[in-house]
Amino acid sequence: MAIAPEIITDPETEATHYGIPVAHIGEDGDMLALGHPGIRRAFAAFNRHARVFCHLANLADDSHATVGEWEDAITERWAIFRKPDPSNDYEDPECEWVAGWVDEGTPGAQPVTVLDVC
């Protein structure tokens, strides 16, 4: 019998920048912000997170970079947060949560904004 995943309704993040909770996701430097604050506000929060946590000048580590260079890398999505499944080799049991992408109408779905750096 499968065990239902433990859903998290208030995921813990690494920091809040300009009122927007932000966390790194995955291993490639991608970031997630809770909510849909808009591309420019999300960019500002991600940029601040890169400066504080990665000690970069900004996301591109280039003082001349602009938001226009990053707009296509930022998307508004919907997610359900849950505890990692220890039987799933792709999920780190040390993580506080795992985000699963879902449609807007999915029960329990939360708005998120994602920065894909790759």
PDB file of N, CA and C in Angstrom:
ATOM      1  N   MET A   1       0.839  -1.175   0.000  1.00  0.00           N
ATOM      2  CA  MET A   1       0.000   0.000   0.000  1.00  0.00           C
ATOM      3  C   MET A   1       0.893   1.251   0.000  1.00  0.00           C
ATOM      4  N   ALA A   2       0.615   2.159  -0.905  1.00  0.00           N
ATOM      5  CA  ALA A   2       1.405   3.389  -1.014  1.00  0.00           C
ATOM      6  C   ALA A   2       1.046   4.349   0.118  1.00  0.00           C
ATOM      7  N   ILE A   3       2.055   5.029   0.616  1.00  0.00           N
ATOM      8  CA  ILE A   3       1.850   6.019   1.670  1.00  0.00           C
ATOM      9  C   ILE A   3       1.662   7.380   1.015  1.00  0.00           C
ATOM     10  N   ALA A   4       0.628   8.101   1.433  1.00  0.00           N
ATOM     11  CA  ALA A   4       0.363   9.429   0.874  1.00  0.00           C
ATOM     12  C   ALA A   4       1.480  10.385   1.284  1.00  0.00           C
ATOM     13  N   PRO A   5       1.908  11.240   0.363  1.00  0.00           N
ATOM     14  CA  PRO A   5       2.975  12.190   0.707  1.00  0.00           C
ATOM     15  C   PRO A   5       2.488  13.199   1.745  1.00  0.00           C
ATOM     16  N   GLU A   6       3.407  13.651   2.585  1.00  0.00           N
ATOM     17  CA  GLU A   6       3.078  14.660   3.593  1.00  0.00           C
ATOM     18  C   GLU A   6       3.150  16.040   2.940  1.00  0.00           C
ATOM     19  N   ILE A   7       1.984  16.648   2.748  1.00  0.00           N
ATOM     20  CA  ILE A   7       1.885  17.948   2.089  1.00  0.00           C
ATOM     21  C   ILE A   7       2.338  19.055   3.047  1.00  0.00           C
ATOM     22  N   ILE A   8       3.026  20.046   2.500  1.00  0.00           N
ATOM     23  CA  ILE A   8       3.493  21.200   3.271  1.00  0.00           C
ATOM     24  C   ILE A   8       2.768  22.429   2.731  1.00  0.00           C
ATOM     25  N   THR A   9       2.043  23.116   3.591  1.00  0.00           N
ATOM     26  CA  THR A   9       1.278  24.280   3.144  1.00  0.00           C
ATOM     27  C   THR A   9       2.034  25.596   3.319  1.00  0.00           C
ATOM     28  N   ASP A  10       3.072  25.595   4.140  1.00  0.00           N
ATOM     29  CA  ASP A  10       3.859  26.805   4.380  1.00  0.00           C
ATOM     30  C   ASP A  10       5.345  26.456   4.273  1.00  0.00           C
ATOM     31  N   PRO A  11       5.852  26.286   3.037  1.00  0.00           N
ATOM     32  CA  PRO A  11       7.244  25.840   2.875  1.00  0.00           C
ATOM     33  C   PRO A  11       8.253  26.856   3.408  1.00  0.00           C
ATOM     34  N   GLU A  12       9.251  26.335   4.085  1.00  0.00           N
ATOM     35  CA  GLU A  12      10.331  27.178   4.608  1.00  0.00           C
ATOM     36  C   GLU A  12      11.252  27.567   3.452  1.00  0.00           C
ATOM     37  N   THR A  13      11.671  28.826   3.430  1.00  0.00           N
ATOM     38  CA  THR A  13      12.602  29.294   2.402  1.00  0.00           C
ATOM     39  C   THR A  13      13.887  29.770   3.081  1.00  0.00           C
ATOM     40  N   GLU A  14      14.889  30.071   2.267  1.00  0.00           N
ATOM     41  CA  GLU A  14      16.183  30.488   2.810  1.00  0.00           C
ATOM     42  C   GLU A  14      16.171  31.919   3.313  1.00  0.00           C
ATOM     43  N   ALA A  15      15.389  32.769   2.654  1.00  0.00           N
ATOM     44  CA  ALA A  15      15.367  34.187   3.019  1.00  0.00           C
ATOM     45  C   ALA A  15      14.159  34.857   2.383  1.00  0.00           C
ATOM     46  N   THR A  16      13.881  36.064   2.842  1.00  0.00           N
ATOM     47  CA  THR A  16      12.846  36.899   2.237  1.00  0.00           C
ATOM     48  C   THR A  16      13.510  38.188   1.790  1.00  0.00           C
ATOM     49  N   HIS A  17      13.333  38.515   0.519  1.00  0.00           N
ATOM     50  CA  HIS A  17      13.913  39.734  -0.048  1.00  0.00           C
ATOM     51  C   HIS A  17      12.785  40.580  -0.621  1.00  0.00           C
ATOM     52  N   TYR A  18      12.696  41.813  -0.169  1.00  0.00           N
ATOM     53  CA  TYR A  18      11.658  42.738  -0.635  1.00  0.00           C
ATOM     54  C   TYR A  18      10.262  42.150  -0.434  1.00  0.00           C
ATOM     55  N   GLY A  19      10.087  41.403   0.661  1.00  0.00           N
ATOM     56  CA  GLY A  19       8.796  40.807   0.984  1.00  0.00           C
ATOM     57  C   GLY A  19       8.487  39.515   0.251  1.00  0.00           C
ATOM     58  N   ILE A  20       9.457  38.984  -0.507  1.00  0.00           N
ATOM     59  CA  ILE A  20       9.249  37.778  -1.314  1.00  0.00           C
ATOM     60  C   ILE A  20      10.122  36.650  -0.771  1.00  0.00           C
ATOM     61  N   PRO A  21       9.513  35.556  -0.279  1.00  0.00           N
ATOM     62  CA  PRO A  21      10.298  34.410   0.192  1.00  0.00           C
ATOM     63  C   PRO A  21      10.980  33.709  -0.987  1.00  0.00           C
ATOM     64  N   VAL A  22      12.284  33.420  -0.851  1.00  0.00           N
ATOM     65  CA  VAL A  22      13.085  32.837  -1.935  1.00  0.00           C
ATOM     66  C   VAL A  22      13.907  31.664  -1.416  1.00  0.00           C
ATOM     67  N   ALA A  23      14.065  30.646  -2.273  1.00  0.00           N
ATOM     68  CA  ALA A  23      14.919  29.495  -1.952  1.00  0.00           C
ATOM     69  C   ALA A  23      15.574  28.981  -3.225  1.00  0.00           C
ATOM     70  N   HIS A  24      16.747  28.387  -3.066  1.00  0.00           N
ATOM     71  CA  HIS A  24      17.369  27.657  -4.172  1.00  0.00           C
ATOM     72  C   HIS A  24      16.631  26.335  -4.347  1.00  0.00           C
ATOM     73  N   ILE A  25      16.528  25.866  -5.584  1.00  0.00           N
ATOM     74  CA  ILE A  25      15.950  24.548  -5.845  1.00  0.00           C
ATOM     75  C   ILE A  25      16.887  23.792  -6.775  1.00  0.00           C
ATOM     76  N   GLY A  26      16.991  22.505  -6.575  1.00  0.00           N
ATOM     77  CA  GLY A  26      17.857  21.693  -7.421  1.00  0.00           C
ATOM     78  C   GLY A  26      19.321  21.977  -7.165  1.00  0.00           C
ATOM     79  N   GLU A  27      20.144  21.489  -8.071  1.00  0.00           N
ATOM     80  CA  GLU A  27      21.600  21.591  -7.910  1.00  0.00           C
ATOM     81  C   GLU A  27      22.254  22.539  -8.904  1.00  0.00           C
ATOM     82  N   ASP A  28      21.456  23.189  -9.756  1.00  0.00           N
ATOM     83  CA  ASP A  28      22.016  24.016 -10.820  1.00  0.00           C
ATOM     84  C   ASP A  28      21.950  25.511 -10.548  1.00  0.00           C
ATOM     85  N   GLY A  29      21.511  25.905  -9.355  1.00  0.00           N
ATOM     86  CA  GLY A  29      21.415  27.320  -9.046  1.00  0.00           C
ATOM     87  C   GLY A  29      20.052  27.925  -9.312  1.00  0.00           C
ATOM     88  N   ASP A  30      19.083  27.103  -9.745  1.00  0.00           N
ATOM     89  CA  ASP A  30      17.735  27.616  -9.966  1.00  0.00           C
ATOM     90  C   ASP A  30      17.158  28.122  -8.648  1.00  0.00           C
ATOM     91  N   MET A  31      16.205  29.049  -8.740  1.00  0.00           N
ATOM     92  CA  MET A  31      15.582  29.606  -7.538  1.00  0.00           C
ATOM     93  C   MET A  31      14.073  29.588  -7.683  1.00  0.00           C
ATOM     94  N   LEU A  32      13.407  29.611  -6.533  1.00  0.00           N
ATOM     95  CA  LEU A  32      11.956  29.621  -6.476  1.00  0.00           C
ATOM     96  C   LEU A  32      11.534  30.709  -5.508  1.00  0.00           C
ATOM     97  N   ALA A  33      10.539  31.488  -5.911  1.00  0.00           N
ATOM     98  CA  ALA A  33       9.946  32.496  -5.037  1.00  0.00           C
ATOM     99  C   ALA A  33       8.498  32.105  -4.793  1.00  0.00           C
ATOM    100  N   LEU A  34       8.042  32.265  -3.572  1.00  0.00           N
ATOM    101  CA  LEU A  34       6.643  31.987  -3.276  1.00  0.00           C
ATOM    102  C   LEU A  34       5.796  33.135  -3.792  1.00  0.00           C
ATOM    103  N   GLY A  35       4.726  32.803  -4.497  1.00  0.00           N
ATOM    104  CA  GLY A  35       3.817  33.799  -5.035  1.00  0.00           C
ATOM    105  C   GLY A  35       4.127  34.170  -6.475  1.00  0.00           C
ATOM    106  N   HIS A  36       3.283  35.055  -7.004  1.00  0.00           N
ATOM    107  CA  HIS A  36       3.456  35.613  -8.346  1.00  0.00           C
ATOM    108  C   HIS A  36       3.599  37.130  -8.199  1.00  0.00           C
ATOM    109  N   PRO A  37       4.758  37.603  -7.760  1.00  0.00           N
ATOM    110  CA  PRO A  37       4.920  39.039  -7.530  1.00  0.00           C
ATOM    111  C   PRO A  37       5.122  39.857  -8.803  1.00  0.00           C
ATOM    112  N   GLY A  38       5.229  39.200  -9.942  1.00  0.00           N
ATOM    113  CA  GLY A  38       5.564  39.874 -11.191  1.00  0.00           C
ATOM    114  C   GLY A  38       7.035  39.649 -11.513  1.00  0.00           C
ATOM    115  N   ILE A  39       7.361  39.688 -12.803  1.00  0.00           N
ATOM    116  CA  ILE A  39       8.714  39.364 -13.261  1.00  0.00           C
ATOM    117  C   ILE A  39       9.763  40.306 -12.653  1.00  0.00           C
ATOM    118  N   ARG A  40       9.511  41.604 -12.674  1.00  0.00           N
ATOM    119  CA  ARG A  40      10.513  42.564 -12.182  1.00  0.00           C
ATOM    120  C   ARG A  40      10.767  42.416 -10.685  1.00  0.00           C
ATOM    121  N   ARG A  41       9.702  42.241  -9.896  1.00  0.00           N
ATOM    122  CA  ARG A  41       9.884  42.076  -8.445  1.00  0.00           C
ATOM    123  C   ARG A  41      10.556  40.747  -8.143  1.00  0.00           C
ATOM    124  N   ALA A  42      10.164  39.692  -8.862  1.00  0.00           N
ATOM    125  CA  ALA A  42      10.808  38.386  -8.656  1.00  0.00           C
ATOM    126  C   ALA A  42      12.287  38.486  -9.013  1.00  0.00           C
ATOM    127  N   PHE A  43      12.592  39.157 -10.124  1.00  0.00           N
ATOM    128  CA  PHE A  43      13.985  39.335 -10.530  1.00  0.00           C
ATOM    129  C   PHE A  43      14.777  40.049  -9.433  1.00  0.00           C
ATOM    130  N   ALA A  44      14.200  41.088  -8.868  1.00  0.00           N
ATOM    131  CA  ALA A  44      14.888  41.829  -7.800  1.00  0.00           C
ATOM    132  C   ALA A  44      15.174  40.913  -6.611  1.00  0.00           C
ATOM    133  N   ALA A  45      14.194  40.089  -6.243  1.00  0.00           N
ATOM    134  CA  ALA A  45      14.389  39.169  -5.115  1.00  0.00           C
ATOM    135  C   ALA A  45      15.438  38.112  -5.445  1.00  0.00           C
ATOM    136  N   PHE A  46      15.387  37.556  -6.656  1.00  0.00           N
ATOM    137  CA  PHE A  46      16.384  36.554  -7.061  1.00  0.00           C
ATOM    138  C   PHE A  46      17.782  37.181  -7.102  1.00  0.00           C
ATOM    139  N   ASN A  47      17.861  38.386  -7.633  1.00  0.00           N
ATOM    140  CA  ASN A  47      19.140  39.088  -7.732  1.00  0.00           C
ATOM    141  C   ASN A  47      19.734  39.311  -6.338  1.00  0.00           C
ATOM    142  N   ARG A  48      18.904  39.757  -5.414  1.00  0.00           N
ATOM    143  CA  ARG A  48      19.361  39.974  -4.034  1.00  0.00           C
ATOM    144  C   ARG A  48      19.807  38.650  -3.412  1.00  0.00           C
ATOM    145  N   HIS A  49      19.077  37.583  -3.681  1.00  0.00           N
ATOM    146  CA  HIS A  49      19.425  36.263  -3.146  1.00  0.00           C
ATOM    147  C   HIS A  49      20.798  35.827  -3.667  1.00  0.00           C
ATOM    148  N   ALA A  50      21.062  36.094  -4.945  1.00  0.00           N
ATOM    149  CA  ALA A  50      22.365  35.745  -5.532  1.00  0.00           C
ATOM    150  C   ALA A  50      23.486  36.536  -4.861  1.00  0.00           C
ATOM    151  N   ARG A  51      23.216  37.792  -4.555  1.00  0.00           N
ATOM    152  CA  ARG A  51      24.243  38.611  -3.898  1.00  0.00           C
ATOM    153  C   ARG A  51      24.493  38.140  -2.465  1.00  0.00           C
ATOM    154  N   VAL A  52      23.433  37.851  -1.732  1.00  0.00           N
ATOM    155  CA  VAL A  52      23.561  37.485  -0.319  1.00  0.00           C
ATOM    156  C   VAL A  52      24.101  36.070  -0.136  1.00  0.00           C
ATOM    157  N   PHE A  53      23.549  35.105  -0.879  1.00  0.00           N
ATOM    158  CA  PHE A  53      23.897  33.705  -0.648  1.00  0.00           C
ATOM    159  C   PHE A  53      25.056  33.198  -1.499  1.00  0.00           C
ATOM    160  N   CYS A  54      25.245  33.791  -2.672  1.00  0.00           N
ATOM    161  CA  CYS A  54      26.310  33.310  -3.568  1.00  0.00           C
ATOM    162  C   CYS A  54      27.461  34.306  -3.677  1.00  0.00           C
ATOM    163  N   HIS A  55      27.296  35.475  -3.066  1.00  0.00           N
ATOM    164  CA  HIS A  55      28.324  36.524  -3.073  1.00  0.00           C
ATOM    165  C   HIS A  55      28.685  36.959  -4.495  1.00  0.00           C
ATOM    166  N   LEU A  56      27.658  37.036  -5.349  1.00  0.00           N
ATOM    167  CA  LEU A  56      27.842  37.492  -6.725  1.00  0.00           C
ATOM    168  C   LEU A  56      27.477  38.970  -6.822  1.00  0.00           C
ATOM    169  N   ALA A  57      27.940  39.633  -7.867  1.00  0.00           N
ATOM    170  CA  ALA A  57      27.554  41.025  -8.105  1.00  0.00           C
ATOM    171  C   ALA A  57      26.052  41.111  -8.370  1.00  0.00           C
ATOM    172  N   ASN A  58      25.539  40.115  -9.069  1.00  0.00           N
ATOM    173  CA  ASN A  58      24.114  39.949  -9.359  1.00  0.00           C
ATOM    174  C   ASN A  58      23.952  38.553  -9.958  1.00  0.00           C
ATOM    175  N   LEU A  59      22.791  38.241 -10.499  1.00  0.00           N
ATOM    176  CA  LEU A  59      22.566  36.895 -11.038  1.00  0.00           C
ATOM    177  C   LEU A  59      23.611  36.480 -12.061  1.00  0.00           C
ATOM    178  N   ALA A  60      23.998  37.418 -12.913  1.00  0.00           N
ATOM    179  CA  ALA A  60      24.965  37.108 -13.967  1.00  0.00           C
ATOM    180  C   ALA A  60      26.405  37.307 -13.497  1.00  0.00           C
ATOM    181  N   ASP A  61      26.566  37.794 -12.287  1.00  0.00           N
ATOM    182  CA  ASP A  61      27.874  38.194 -11.765  1.00  0.00           C
ATOM    183  C   ASP A  61      28.530  39.184 -12.725  1.00  0.00           C
ATOM    184  N   ASP A  62      27.702  40.102 -13.230  1.00  0.00           N
ATOM    185  CA  ASP A  62      28.116  41.106 -14.207  1.00  0.00           C
ATOM    186  C   ASP A  62      27.375  42.396 -13.863  1.00  0.00           C
ATOM    187  N   SER A  63      28.083  43.416 -13.464  1.00  0.00           N
ATOM    188  CA  SER A  63      27.439  44.654 -13.020  1.00  0.00           C
ATOM    189  C   SER A  63      26.662  45.366 -14.125  1.00  0.00           C
ATOM    190  N   HIS A  64      26.824  44.958 -15.370  1.00  0.00           N
ATOM    191  CA  HIS A  64      26.114  45.584 -16.486  1.00  0.00           C
ATOM    192  C   HIS A  64      24.897  44.784 -16.937  1.00  0.00           C
ATOM    193  N   ALA A  65      24.608  43.653 -16.307  1.00  0.00           N
ATOM    194  CA  ALA A  65      23.459  42.821 -16.685  1.00  0.00           C
ATOM    195  C   ALA A  65      22.154  43.556 -16.372  1.00  0.00           C
ATOM    196  N   THR A  66      21.122  43.280 -17.174  1.00  0.00           N
ATOM    197  CA  THR A  66      19.817  43.928 -16.991  1.00  0.00           C
ATOM    198  C   THR A  66      18.724  42.882 -16.827  1.00  0.00           C
ATOM    199  N   VAL A  67      17.573  43.333 -16.336  1.00  0.00           N
ATOM    200  CA  VAL A  67      16.435  42.422 -16.168  1.00  0.00           C
ATOM    201  C   VAL A  67      16.010  41.838 -17.519  1.00  0.00           C
ATOM    202  N   GLY A  68      16.161  42.595 -18.587  1.00  0.00           N
ATOM    203  CA  GLY A  68      15.779  42.116 -19.917  1.00  0.00           C
ATOM    204  C   GLY A  68      16.506  40.852 -20.331  1.00  0.00           C
ATOM    205  N   GLU A  69      17.712  40.678 -19.831  1.00  0.00           N
ATOM    206  CA  GLU A  69      18.491  39.482 -20.157  1.00  0.00           C
ATOM    207  C   GLU A  69      17.988  38.250 -19.417  1.00  0.00           C
ATOM    208  N   TRP A  70      17.143  38.435 -18.418  1.00  0.00           N
ATOM    209  CA  TRP A  70      16.691  37.320 -17.575  1.00  0.00           C
ATOM    210  C   TRP A  70      15.191  37.051 -17.674  1.00  0.00           C
ATOM    211  N   GLU A  71      14.443  37.928 -18.336  1.00  0.00           N
ATOM    212  CA  GLU A  71      12.982  37.782 -18.368  1.00  0.00           C
ATOM    213  C   GLU A  71      12.521  36.418 -18.861  1.00  0.00           C
ATOM    214  N   ASP A  72      13.156  35.882 -19.877  1.00  0.00           N
ATOM    215  CA  ASP A  72      12.736  34.587 -20.424  1.00  0.00           C
ATOM    216  C   ASP A  72      13.062  33.419 -19.497  1.00  0.00           C
ATOM    217  N   ALA A  73      13.914  33.641 -18.519  1.00  0.00           N
ATOM    218  CA  ALA A  73      14.300  32.578 -17.587  1.00  0.00           C
ATOM    219  C   ALA A  73      13.388  32.525 -16.362  1.00  0.00           C
ATOM    220  N   ILE A  74      12.467  33.490 -16.252  1.00  0.00           N
ATOM    221  CA  ILE A  74      11.577  33.562 -15.092  1.00  0.00           C
ATOM    222  C   ILE A  74      10.162  33.203 -15.529  1.00  0.00           C
ATOM    223  N   THR A  75       9.569  32.210 -14.854  1.00  0.00           N
ATOM    224  CA  THR A  75       8.212  31.780 -15.194  1.00  0.00           C
ATOM    225  C   THR A  75       7.349  31.668 -13.944  1.00  0.00           C
ATOM    226  N   GLU A  76       6.089  32.012 -14.108  1.00  0.00           N
ATOM    227  CA  GLU A  76       5.115  31.823 -13.036  1.00  0.00           C
ATOM    228  C   GLU A  76       4.498  30.442 -13.201  1.00  0.00           C
ATOM    229  N   ARG A  77       4.496  29.686 -12.114  1.00  0.00           N
ATOM    230  CA  ARG A  77       3.996  28.315 -12.134  1.00  0.00           C
ATOM    231  C   ARG A  77       3.137  28.081 -10.899  1.00  0.00           C
ATOM    232  N   TRP A  78       2.693  26.829 -10.763  1.00  0.00           N
ATOM    233  CA  TRP A  78       1.937  26.389  -9.599  1.00  0.00           C
ATOM    234  C   TRP A  78       2.604  25.131  -9.074  1.00  0.00           C
ATOM    235  N   ALA A  79       2.643  24.997  -7.755  1.00  0.00           N
ATOM    236  CA  ALA A  79       3.336  23.855  -7.151  1.00  0.00           C
ATOM    237  C   ALA A  79       2.586  23.350  -5.925  1.00  0.00           C
ATOM    238  N   ILE A  80       2.818  22.086  -5.639  1.00  0.00           N
ATOM    239  CA  ILE A  80       2.423  21.496  -4.363  1.00  0.00           C
ATOM    240  C   ILE A  80       3.719  21.102  -3.678  1.00  0.00           C
ATOM    241  N   PHE A  81       3.861  21.507  -2.434  1.00  0.00           N
ATOM    242  CA  PHE A  81       5.059  21.200  -1.653  1.00  0.00           C
ATOM    243  C   PHE A  81       4.776  20.005  -0.754  1.00  0.00           C
ATOM    244  N   ARG A  82       5.774  19.132  -0.642  1.00  0.00           N
ATOM    245  CA  ARG A  82       5.623  17.947   0.210  1.00  0.00           C
ATOM    246  C   ARG A  82       6.980  17.553   0.756  1.00  0.00           C
ATOM    247  N   LYS A  83       6.958  16.700   1.758  1.00  0.00           N
ATOM    248  CA  LYS A  83       8.194  16.147   2.313  1.00  0.00           C
ATOM    249  C   LYS A  83       8.826  15.234   1.266  1.00  0.00           C
ATOM    250  N   PRO A  84      10.153  15.121   1.219  1.00  0.00           N
ATOM    251  CA  PRO A  84      10.815  14.205   0.282  1.00  0.00           C
ATOM    252  C   PRO A  84      10.437  12.752   0.578  1.00  0.00           C
ATOM    253  N   ASP A  85      10.378  11.965  -0.474  1.00  0.00           N
ATOM    254  CA  ASP A  85      10.087  10.534  -0.363  1.00  0.00           C
ATOM    255  C   ASP A  85      11.416   9.802  -0.190  1.00  0.00           C
ATOM    256  N   PRO A  86      11.678   9.217   0.985  1.00  0.00           N
ATOM    257  CA  PRO A  86      12.969   8.558   1.213  1.00  0.00           C
ATOM    258  C   PRO A  86      13.205   7.355   0.306  1.00  0.00           C
ATOM    259  N   SER A  87      12.147   6.805  -0.287  1.00  0.00           N
ATOM    260  CA  SER A  87      12.325   5.663  -1.188  1.00  0.00           C
ATOM    261  C   SER A  87      12.650   6.102  -2.619  1.00  0.00           C
ATOM    262  N   ASN A  88      12.605   7.423  -2.893  1.00  0.00           N
ATOM    263  CA  ASN A  88      12.889   7.954  -4.221  1.00  0.00           C
ATOM    264  C   ASN A  88      14.346   8.418  -4.258  1.00  0.00           C
ATOM    265  N   ASP A  89      15.162   7.741  -5.046  1.00  0.00           N
ATOM    266  CA  ASP A  89      16.590   8.060  -5.125  1.00  0.00           C
ATOM    267  C   ASP A  89      16.871   9.460  -5.669  1.00  0.00           C
ATOM    268  N   TYR A  90      15.896  10.072  -6.341  1.00  0.00           N
ATOM    269  CA  TYR A  90      16.103  11.399  -6.917  1.00  0.00           C
ATOM    270  C   TYR A  90      15.779  12.520  -5.934  1.00  0.00           C
ATOM    271  N   GLU A  91      15.254  12.177  -4.761  1.00  0.00           N
ATOM    272  CA  GLU A  91      14.887  13.180  -3.772  1.00  0.00           C
ATOM    273  C   GLU A  91      15.798  13.070  -2.554  1.00  0.00           C
ATOM    274  N   ASP A  92      16.390  14.169  -2.173  1.00  0.00           N
ATOM    275  CA  ASP A  92      17.302  14.197  -1.029  1.00  0.00           C
ATOM    276  C   ASP A  92      16.485  14.224   0.261  1.00  0.00           C
ATOM    277  N   PRO A  93      16.581  13.191   1.079  1.00  0.00           N
ATOM    278  CA  PRO A  93      15.802  13.163   2.322  1.00  0.00           C
ATOM    279  C   PRO A  93      16.203  14.261   3.309  1.00  0.00           C
ATOM    280  N   GLU A  94      17.342  14.913   3.075  1.00  0.00           N
ATOM    281  CA  GLU A  94      17.780  16.012   3.939  1.00  0.00           C
ATOM    282  C   GLU A  94      17.069  17.329   3.606  1.00  0.00           C
ATOM    283  N   CYS A  95      16.418  17.390   2.446  1.00  0.00           N
ATOM    284  CA  CYS A  95      15.708  18.610   2.051  1.00  0.00           C
ATOM    285  C   CYS A  95      14.463  18.801   2.913  1.00  0.00           C
ATOM    286  N   GLU A  96      14.100  20.049   3.112  1.00  0.00           N
ATOM    287  CA  GLU A  96      12.892  20.367   3.883  1.00  0.00           C
ATOM    288  C   GLU A  96      11.632  20.025   3.099  1.00  0.00           C
ATOM    289  N   TRP A  97      11.689  20.225   1.766  1.00  0.00           N
ATOM    290  CA  TRP A  97      10.521  19.984   0.932  1.00  0.00           C
ATOM    291  C   TRP A  97      10.925  19.715  -0.508  1.00  0.00           C
ATOM    292  N   VAL A  98       9.963  19.196  -1.255  1.00  0.00           N
ATOM    293  CA  VAL A  98      10.084  18.978  -2.699  1.00  0.00           C
ATOM    294  C   VAL A  98       8.887  19.685  -3.329  1.00  0.00           C
ATOM    295  N   ALA A  99       9.108  20.380  -4.433  1.00  0.00           N
ATOM    296  CA  ALA A  99       8.017  21.046  -5.144  1.00  0.00           C
ATOM    297  C   ALA A  99       7.641  20.207  -6.356  1.00  0.00           C
ATOM    298  N   GLY A 100       6.370  19.936  -6.491  1.00  0.00           N
ATOM    299  CA  GLY A 100       5.857  19.239  -7.671  1.00  0.00           C
ATOM    300  C   GLY A 100       5.027  20.206  -8.487  1.00  0.00           C
ATOM    301  N   TRP A 101       5.331  20.323  -9.774  1.00  0.00           N
ATOM    302  CA  TRP A 101       4.613  21.268 -10.632  1.00  0.00           C
ATOM    303  C   TRP A 101       3.231  20.713 -10.949  1.00  0.00           C
ATOM    304  N   VAL A 102       2.219  21.567 -10.817  1.00  0.00           N
ATOM    305  CA  VAL A 102       0.830  21.173 -11.051  1.00  0.00           C
ATOM    306  C   VAL A 102       0.106  22.289 -11.791  1.00  0.00           C
ATOM    307  N   ASP A 103      -1.124  21.999 -12.215  1.00  0.00           N
ATOM    308  CA  ASP A 103      -1.964  23.010 -12.844  1.00  0.00           C
ATOM    309  C   ASP A 103      -2.564  23.926 -11.783  1.00  0.00           C
ATOM    310  N   GLU A 104      -2.941  25.112 -12.196  1.00  0.00           N
ATOM    311  CA  GLU A 104      -3.479  26.112 -11.278  1.00  0.00           C
ATOM    312  C   GLU A 104      -4.671  25.599 -10.466  1.00  0.00           C
ATOM    313  N   GLY A 105      -5.550  24.844 -11.068  1.00  0.00           N
ATOM    314  CA  GLY A 105      -6.757  24.385 -10.390  1.00  0.00           C
ATOM    315  C   GLY A 105      -6.574  23.183  -9.485  1.00  0.00           C
ATOM    316  N   THR A 106      -5.379  22.656  -9.381  1.00  0.00           N
ATOM    317  CA  THR A 106      -5.124  21.484  -8.547  1.00  0.00           C
ATOM    318  C   THR A 106      -5.329  21.849  -7.076  1.00  0.00           C
ATOM    319  N   PRO A 107      -6.108  21.049  -6.338  1.00  0.00           N
ATOM    320  CA  PRO A 107      -6.287  21.342  -4.916  1.00  0.00           C
ATOM    321  C   PRO A 107      -4.941  21.408  -4.183  1.00  0.00           C
ATOM    322  N   GLY A 108      -4.758  22.463  -3.410  1.00  0.00           N
ATOM    323  CA  GLY A 108      -3.518  22.648  -2.658  1.00  0.00           C
ATOM    324  C   GLY A 108      -2.414  23.342  -3.427  1.00  0.00           C
ATOM    325  N   ALA A 109      -2.658  23.663  -4.705  1.00  0.00           N
ATOM    326  CA  ALA A 109      -1.625  24.318  -5.520  1.00  0.00           C
ATOM    327  C   ALA A 109      -1.324  25.713  -4.983  1.00  0.00           C
ATOM    328  N   GLN A 110      -0.045  26.054  -4.986  1.00  0.00           N
ATOM    329  CA  GLN A 110       0.396  27.372  -4.538  1.00  0.00           C
ATOM    330  C   GLN A 110       1.119  28.075  -5.683  1.00  0.00           C
ATOM    331  N   PRO A 111       0.920  29.389  -5.824  1.00  0.00           N
ATOM    332  CA  PRO A 111       1.629  30.119  -6.872  1.00  0.00           C
ATOM    333  C   PRO A 111       3.109  30.258  -6.521  1.00  0.00           C
ATOM    334  N   VAL A 112       3.957  30.039  -7.514  1.00  0.00           N
ATOM    335  CA  VAL A 112       5.400  30.203  -7.350  1.00  0.00           C
ATOM    336  C   VAL A 112       5.961  30.856  -8.607  1.00  0.00           C
ATOM    337  N   THR A 113       7.099  31.478  -8.459  1.00  0.00           N
ATOM    338  CA  THR A 113       7.820  32.035  -9.595  1.00  0.00           C
ATOM    339  C   THR A 113       9.190  31.371  -9.598  1.00  0.00           C
ATOM    340  N   VAL A 114       9.584  30.859 -10.764  1.00  0.00           N
ATOM    341  CA  VAL A 114      10.799  30.053 -10.864  1.00  0.00           C
ATOM    342  C   VAL A 114      11.810  30.728 -11.783  1.00  0.00           C
ATOM    343  N   LEU A 115      13.062  30.736 -11.346  1.00  0.00           N
ATOM    344  CA  LEU A 115      14.177  31.209 -12.170  1.00  0.00           C
ATOM    345  C   LEU A 115      14.972  29.998 -12.612  1.00  0.00           C
ATOM    346  N   ASP A 116      15.055  29.796 -13.921  1.00  0.00           N
ATOM    347  CA  ASP A 116      15.834  28.694 -14.498  1.00  0.00           C
ATOM    348  C   ASP A 116      17.128  29.288 -15.034  1.00  0.00           C
ATOM    349  N   VAL A 117      18.238  29.019 -14.363  1.00  0.00           N
ATOM    350  CA  VAL A 117      19.507  29.633 -14.756  1.00  0.00           C
ATOM    351  C   VAL A 117      20.208  28.914 -15.902  1.00  0.00           C
ATOM    352  N   CYS A 118      19.751  27.743 -16.259  1.00  0.00           N
ATOM    353  CA  CYS A 118      20.421  26.984 -17.334  1.00  0.00           C
ATOM    354  C   CYS A 118      19.883  27.321 -18.696  1.00  0.00           C
TER     355      CYS A 118
END
